[in-house]
Amino acid sequence: MVTVIAKLKVQAGKEAAFEAAAREVLAHVEQHEPGTLTYLLHRAASDPTEYLYYEVYTDQAALAAHGSSEAMRKFFGAAGTLLAGRPEITMYEEIAGKRPASR
């Protein structure tokens, strides 16, 4: 499995537009990406312009499919005008842990 943590800083006042664009991607992932096991967006409690994505993919191919989807191309086009700097993206390989039995 491949895990991605992405931290994004949004320009002040553009949070609602960012969240609207993000929700479109979330809907696409839920409906069309079986290889995306987890795709969660979080907002920092201490800073409403700071966001974090927590993503888990079955493998590198699932991550590549996600990244090359039309929904992501559209999101990156919109996000480019909303972000305050480049995203900080880190990829991880799972070692061990606990997860819900339904997975």
N, C-alpha and C. Protein backbone atom coordinates (compact mmCIF):
# COMPACT_ATOMS: atom_id res chain seq x y z
N MET A 1 0.83 -1.18 0.00
CA MET A 1 0.00 0.00 0.00
C MET A 1 0.88 1.24 0.00
N VAL A 2 0.34 2.30 -0.58
CA VAL A 2 1.02 3.58 -0.65
C VAL A 2 0.18 4.61 0.08
N THR A 3 0.81 5.35 0.98
CA THR A 3 0.12 6.41 1.71
C THR A 3 0.72 7.74 1.30
N VAL A 4 -0.13 8.73 1.10
CA VAL A 4 0.30 10.07 0.74
C VAL A 4 -0.25 11.04 1.77
N ILE A 5 0.62 11.92 2.24
CA ILE A 5 0.22 13.04 3.09
C ILE A 5 0.52 14.30 2.30
N ALA A 6 -0.49 15.10 2.06
CA ALA A 6 -0.31 16.34 1.32
C ALA A 6 -0.80 17.51 2.16
N LYS A 7 0.08 18.47 2.40
CA LYS A 7 -0.27 19.67 3.15
C LYS A 7 -0.36 20.83 2.17
N LEU A 8 -1.48 21.56 2.25
CA LEU A 8 -1.71 22.68 1.35
C LEU A 8 -2.09 23.92 2.15
N LYS A 9 -1.59 25.04 1.72
CA LYS A 9 -1.93 26.33 2.32
C LYS A 9 -2.73 27.10 1.26
N VAL A 10 -3.93 27.54 1.65
CA VAL A 10 -4.83 28.25 0.75
C VAL A 10 -4.77 29.74 1.07
N GLN A 11 -4.90 30.56 0.05
CA GLN A 11 -4.93 32.00 0.26
C GLN A 11 -6.13 32.37 1.14
N ALA A 12 -5.91 33.28 2.07
CA ALA A 12 -6.99 33.73 2.96
C ALA A 12 -8.15 34.26 2.12
N GLY A 13 -9.35 33.86 2.49
CA GLY A 13 -10.54 34.29 1.77
C GLY A 13 -10.94 33.36 0.63
N LYS A 14 -10.10 32.38 0.31
CA LYS A 14 -10.39 31.46 -0.79
C LYS A 14 -10.68 30.05 -0.30
N GLU A 15 -10.90 29.91 1.00
CA GLU A 15 -11.14 28.59 1.59
C GLU A 15 -12.39 27.92 1.01
N ALA A 16 -13.48 28.66 0.86
CA ALA A 16 -14.73 28.07 0.35
C ALA A 16 -14.56 27.58 -1.08
N ALA A 17 -13.87 28.34 -1.91
CA ALA A 17 -13.64 27.92 -3.29
C ALA A 17 -12.76 26.67 -3.33
N PHE A 18 -11.75 26.62 -2.47
CA PHE A 18 -10.90 25.44 -2.41
C PHE A 18 -11.71 24.22 -1.98
N GLU A 19 -12.50 24.36 -0.95
CA GLU A 19 -13.28 23.23 -0.46
C GLU A 19 -14.29 22.75 -1.49
N ALA A 20 -14.87 23.67 -2.26
CA ALA A 20 -15.81 23.28 -3.32
C ALA A 20 -15.09 22.45 -4.38
N ALA A 21 -13.91 22.88 -4.79
CA ALA A 21 -13.13 22.13 -5.78
C ALA A 21 -12.72 20.77 -5.21
N ALA A 22 -12.34 20.75 -3.95
CA ALA A 22 -11.92 19.50 -3.30
C ALA A 22 -13.08 18.52 -3.22
N ARG A 23 -14.27 19.00 -2.95
CA ARG A 23 -15.44 18.11 -2.85
C ARG A 23 -15.75 17.43 -4.18
N GLU A 24 -15.48 18.11 -5.29
CA GLU A 24 -15.69 17.48 -6.60
C GLU A 24 -14.75 16.29 -6.77
N VAL A 25 -13.49 16.45 -6.36
CA VAL A 25 -12.54 15.35 -6.45
C VAL A 25 -12.95 14.23 -5.50
N LEU A 26 -13.37 14.58 -4.29
CA LEU A 26 -13.81 13.56 -3.33
C LEU A 26 -14.94 12.72 -3.91
N ALA A 27 -15.89 13.36 -4.58
CA ALA A 27 -17.00 12.63 -5.18
C ALA A 27 -16.50 11.71 -6.29
N HIS A 28 -15.58 12.20 -7.10
CA HIS A 28 -15.00 11.37 -8.17
C HIS A 28 -14.29 10.15 -7.58
N VAL A 29 -13.47 10.38 -6.56
CA VAL A 29 -12.72 9.28 -5.94
C VAL A 29 -13.68 8.22 -5.40
N GLU A 30 -14.71 8.66 -4.73
CA GLU A 30 -15.67 7.72 -4.14
C GLU A 30 -16.36 6.87 -5.21
N GLN A 31 -16.67 7.47 -6.35
CA GLN A 31 -17.44 6.78 -7.38
C GLN A 31 -16.59 5.99 -8.38
N HIS A 32 -15.33 6.42 -8.60
CA HIS A 32 -14.58 5.88 -9.73
C HIS A 32 -13.19 5.31 -9.42
N GLU A 33 -12.78 5.30 -8.17
CA GLU A 33 -11.42 4.86 -7.87
C GLU A 33 -11.40 3.75 -6.81
N PRO A 34 -11.64 2.52 -7.22
CA PRO A 34 -11.62 1.41 -6.26
C PRO A 34 -10.24 1.19 -5.63
N GLY A 35 -9.19 1.60 -6.30
CA GLY A 35 -7.84 1.45 -5.76
C GLY A 35 -7.46 2.50 -4.74
N THR A 36 -8.32 3.50 -4.58
CA THR A 36 -8.11 4.51 -3.54
C THR A 36 -8.88 4.05 -2.31
N LEU A 37 -8.16 3.57 -1.32
CA LEU A 37 -8.79 3.00 -0.13
C LEU A 37 -9.25 4.06 0.86
N THR A 38 -8.46 5.12 0.99
CA THR A 38 -8.79 6.21 1.90
C THR A 38 -8.42 7.52 1.21
N TYR A 39 -9.31 8.49 1.30
CA TYR A 39 -9.05 9.81 0.71
C TYR A 39 -9.78 10.83 1.56
N LEU A 40 -9.06 11.39 2.53
CA LEU A 40 -9.67 12.28 3.51
C LEU A 40 -9.04 13.66 3.45
N LEU A 41 -9.86 14.68 3.53
CA LEU A 41 -9.39 16.05 3.59
C LEU A 41 -9.66 16.59 4.99
N HIS A 42 -8.65 17.22 5.57
CA HIS A 42 -8.76 17.82 6.90
C HIS A 42 -8.39 19.29 6.83
N ARG A 43 -8.96 20.08 7.73
CA ARG A 43 -8.59 21.50 7.88
C ARG A 43 -7.99 21.66 9.26
N ALA A 44 -6.91 22.42 9.36
CA ALA A 44 -6.26 22.63 10.66
C ALA A 44 -7.19 23.38 11.59
N ALA A 45 -7.27 22.93 12.83
CA ALA A 45 -8.12 23.59 13.82
C ALA A 45 -7.59 24.98 14.16
N SER A 46 -6.29 25.17 14.06
CA SER A 46 -5.69 26.45 14.44
C SER A 46 -5.51 27.42 13.29
N ASP A 47 -5.75 26.97 12.04
CA ASP A 47 -5.53 27.83 10.87
C ASP A 47 -6.48 27.40 9.76
N PRO A 48 -7.54 28.15 9.50
CA PRO A 48 -8.54 27.74 8.49
C PRO A 48 -8.02 27.76 7.06
N THR A 49 -6.79 28.20 6.83
CA THR A 49 -6.23 28.19 5.48
C THR A 49 -5.27 27.01 5.27
N GLU A 50 -5.11 26.17 6.28
CA GLU A 50 -4.19 25.04 6.18
C GLU A 50 -4.98 23.73 6.08
N TYR A 51 -4.68 22.96 5.04
CA TYR A 51 -5.40 21.71 4.78
C TYR A 51 -4.41 20.56 4.70
N LEU A 52 -4.93 19.35 4.98
CA LEU A 52 -4.13 18.15 4.90
C LEU A 52 -4.96 17.05 4.27
N TYR A 53 -4.40 16.40 3.26
CA TYR A 53 -5.00 15.21 2.68
C TYR A 53 -4.30 13.99 3.25
N TYR A 54 -5.08 12.98 3.60
CA TYR A 54 -4.56 11.68 4.00
C TYR A 54 -5.12 10.68 2.99
N GLU A 55 -4.23 10.07 2.22
CA GLU A 55 -4.63 9.21 1.11
C GLU A 55 -3.94 7.85 1.23
N VAL A 56 -4.69 6.78 0.98
CA VAL A 56 -4.11 5.44 0.97
C VAL A 56 -4.57 4.75 -0.32
N TYR A 57 -3.59 4.20 -1.04
CA TYR A 57 -3.84 3.53 -2.31
C TYR A 57 -3.39 2.08 -2.23
N THR A 58 -4.04 1.21 -2.98
CA THR A 58 -3.67 -0.21 -2.97
C THR A 58 -2.24 -0.41 -3.46
N ASP A 59 -1.83 0.40 -4.43
CA ASP A 59 -0.49 0.27 -5.00
C ASP A 59 -0.14 1.52 -5.81
N GLN A 60 1.03 1.52 -6.39
CA GLN A 60 1.51 2.66 -7.17
C GLN A 60 0.62 2.93 -8.38
N ALA A 61 0.08 1.87 -8.98
CA ALA A 61 -0.79 2.02 -10.14
C ALA A 61 -2.07 2.77 -9.77
N ALA A 62 -2.63 2.50 -8.61
CA ALA A 62 -3.84 3.19 -8.15
C ALA A 62 -3.53 4.67 -7.91
N LEU A 63 -2.37 4.95 -7.34
CA LEU A 63 -1.96 6.35 -7.14
C LEU A 63 -1.80 7.05 -8.48
N ALA A 64 -1.19 6.38 -9.44
CA ALA A 64 -1.00 6.97 -10.77
C ALA A 64 -2.35 7.23 -11.45
N ALA A 65 -3.28 6.29 -11.31
CA ALA A 65 -4.62 6.47 -11.90
C ALA A 65 -5.31 7.68 -11.29
N HIS A 66 -5.18 7.83 -9.99
CA HIS A 66 -5.77 8.98 -9.31
C HIS A 66 -5.15 10.28 -9.83
N GLY A 67 -3.84 10.33 -9.85
CA GLY A 67 -3.14 11.55 -10.24
C GLY A 67 -3.37 11.96 -11.68
N SER A 68 -3.66 11.01 -12.54
CA SER A 68 -3.86 11.33 -13.96
C SER A 68 -5.33 11.46 -14.35
N SER A 69 -6.23 11.39 -13.38
CA SER A 69 -7.66 11.47 -13.70
C SER A 69 -8.06 12.88 -14.13
N GLU A 70 -9.12 12.94 -14.90
CA GLU A 70 -9.64 14.24 -15.34
C GLU A 70 -10.05 15.10 -14.15
N ALA A 71 -10.59 14.46 -13.12
CA ALA A 71 -11.00 15.20 -11.91
C ALA A 71 -9.80 15.88 -11.27
N MET A 72 -8.66 15.19 -11.22
CA MET A 72 -7.46 15.80 -10.62
C MET A 72 -6.89 16.90 -11.51
N ARG A 73 -6.93 16.73 -12.81
CA ARG A 73 -6.46 17.80 -13.71
C ARG A 73 -7.30 19.05 -13.50
N LYS A 74 -8.60 18.87 -13.38
CA LYS A 74 -9.49 20.01 -13.15
C LYS A 74 -9.20 20.65 -11.79
N PHE A 75 -9.00 19.81 -10.77
CA PHE A 75 -8.71 20.33 -9.44
C PHE A 75 -7.41 21.13 -9.42
N PHE A 76 -6.35 20.59 -10.03
CA PHE A 76 -5.07 21.30 -10.05
C PHE A 76 -5.19 22.63 -10.79
N GLY A 77 -6.03 22.67 -11.84
CA GLY A 77 -6.25 23.93 -12.56
C GLY A 77 -6.88 24.97 -11.65
N ALA A 78 -7.88 24.56 -10.87
CA ALA A 78 -8.54 25.49 -9.94
C ALA A 78 -7.65 25.83 -8.76
N ALA A 79 -6.98 24.83 -8.20
CA ALA A 79 -6.16 25.04 -7.01
C ALA A 79 -5.00 25.98 -7.27
N GLY A 80 -4.52 25.99 -8.49
CA GLY A 80 -3.40 26.88 -8.82
C GLY A 80 -3.69 28.34 -8.53
N THR A 81 -4.94 28.73 -8.61
CA THR A 81 -5.32 30.12 -8.34
C THR A 81 -5.73 30.34 -6.89
N LEU A 82 -5.78 29.26 -6.11
CA LEU A 82 -6.27 29.35 -4.73
C LEU A 82 -5.18 29.14 -3.68
N LEU A 83 -4.12 28.43 -4.05
CA LEU A 83 -3.09 28.09 -3.09
C LEU A 83 -2.12 29.24 -2.83
N ALA A 84 -1.56 29.24 -1.63
CA ALA A 84 -0.55 30.22 -1.23
C ALA A 84 0.78 29.48 -1.16
N GLY A 85 1.28 29.04 -2.29
CA GLY A 85 2.52 28.29 -2.32
C GLY A 85 2.31 26.87 -2.80
N ARG A 86 3.41 26.16 -2.93
CA ARG A 86 3.38 24.78 -3.42
C ARG A 86 2.95 23.82 -2.31
N PRO A 87 2.19 22.79 -2.67
CA PRO A 87 1.83 21.76 -1.68
C PRO A 87 3.08 21.02 -1.19
N GLU A 88 3.02 20.55 0.03
CA GLU A 88 4.08 19.70 0.58
C GLU A 88 3.55 18.27 0.57
N ILE A 89 4.14 17.43 -0.27
CA ILE A 89 3.64 16.07 -0.46
C ILE A 89 4.71 15.06 -0.05
N THR A 90 4.32 14.12 0.80
CA THR A 90 5.22 13.07 1.25
C THR A 90 4.54 11.72 1.04
N MET A 91 5.27 10.77 0.47
CA MET A 91 4.73 9.42 0.26
C MET A 91 5.35 8.47 1.27
N TYR A 92 4.54 7.52 1.74
CA TYR A 92 4.95 6.56 2.75
C TYR A 92 4.58 5.15 2.31
N GLU A 93 5.30 4.17 2.82
CA GLU A 93 4.95 2.76 2.65
C GLU A 93 4.47 2.24 4.00
N GLU A 94 3.38 1.52 4.00
CA GLU A 94 2.82 1.02 5.25
C GLU A 94 3.70 -0.07 5.85
N ILE A 95 3.90 0.00 7.15
CA ILE A 95 4.66 -1.01 7.89
C ILE A 95 3.70 -1.93 8.65
N ALA A 96 2.88 -1.36 9.52
CA ALA A 96 1.95 -2.14 10.34
C ALA A 96 0.93 -1.20 10.95
N GLY A 97 -0.13 -1.77 11.52
CA GLY A 97 -1.13 -0.93 12.18
C GLY A 97 -2.46 -1.62 12.34
N LYS A 98 -3.42 -0.85 12.76
CA LYS A 98 -4.78 -1.33 12.98
C LYS A 98 -5.71 -0.60 12.02
N ARG A 99 -6.64 -1.33 11.49
CA ARG A 99 -7.64 -0.72 10.60
C ARG A 99 -8.98 -1.40 10.85
N PRO A 100 -10.06 -0.76 10.44
CA PRO A 100 -11.39 -1.35 10.63
C PRO A 100 -11.48 -2.71 9.94
N ALA A 101 -12.24 -3.61 10.51
CA ALA A 101 -12.40 -4.95 9.97
C ALA A 101 -13.07 -4.94 8.59
N SER A 102 -13.85 -3.92 8.29
CA SER A 102 -14.57 -3.88 7.02
C SER A 102 -13.67 -3.64 5.82
N ARG A 103 -12.44 -3.31 6.05
CA ARG A 103 -11.53 -3.04 4.95
C ARG A 103 -11.06 -4.25 4.31
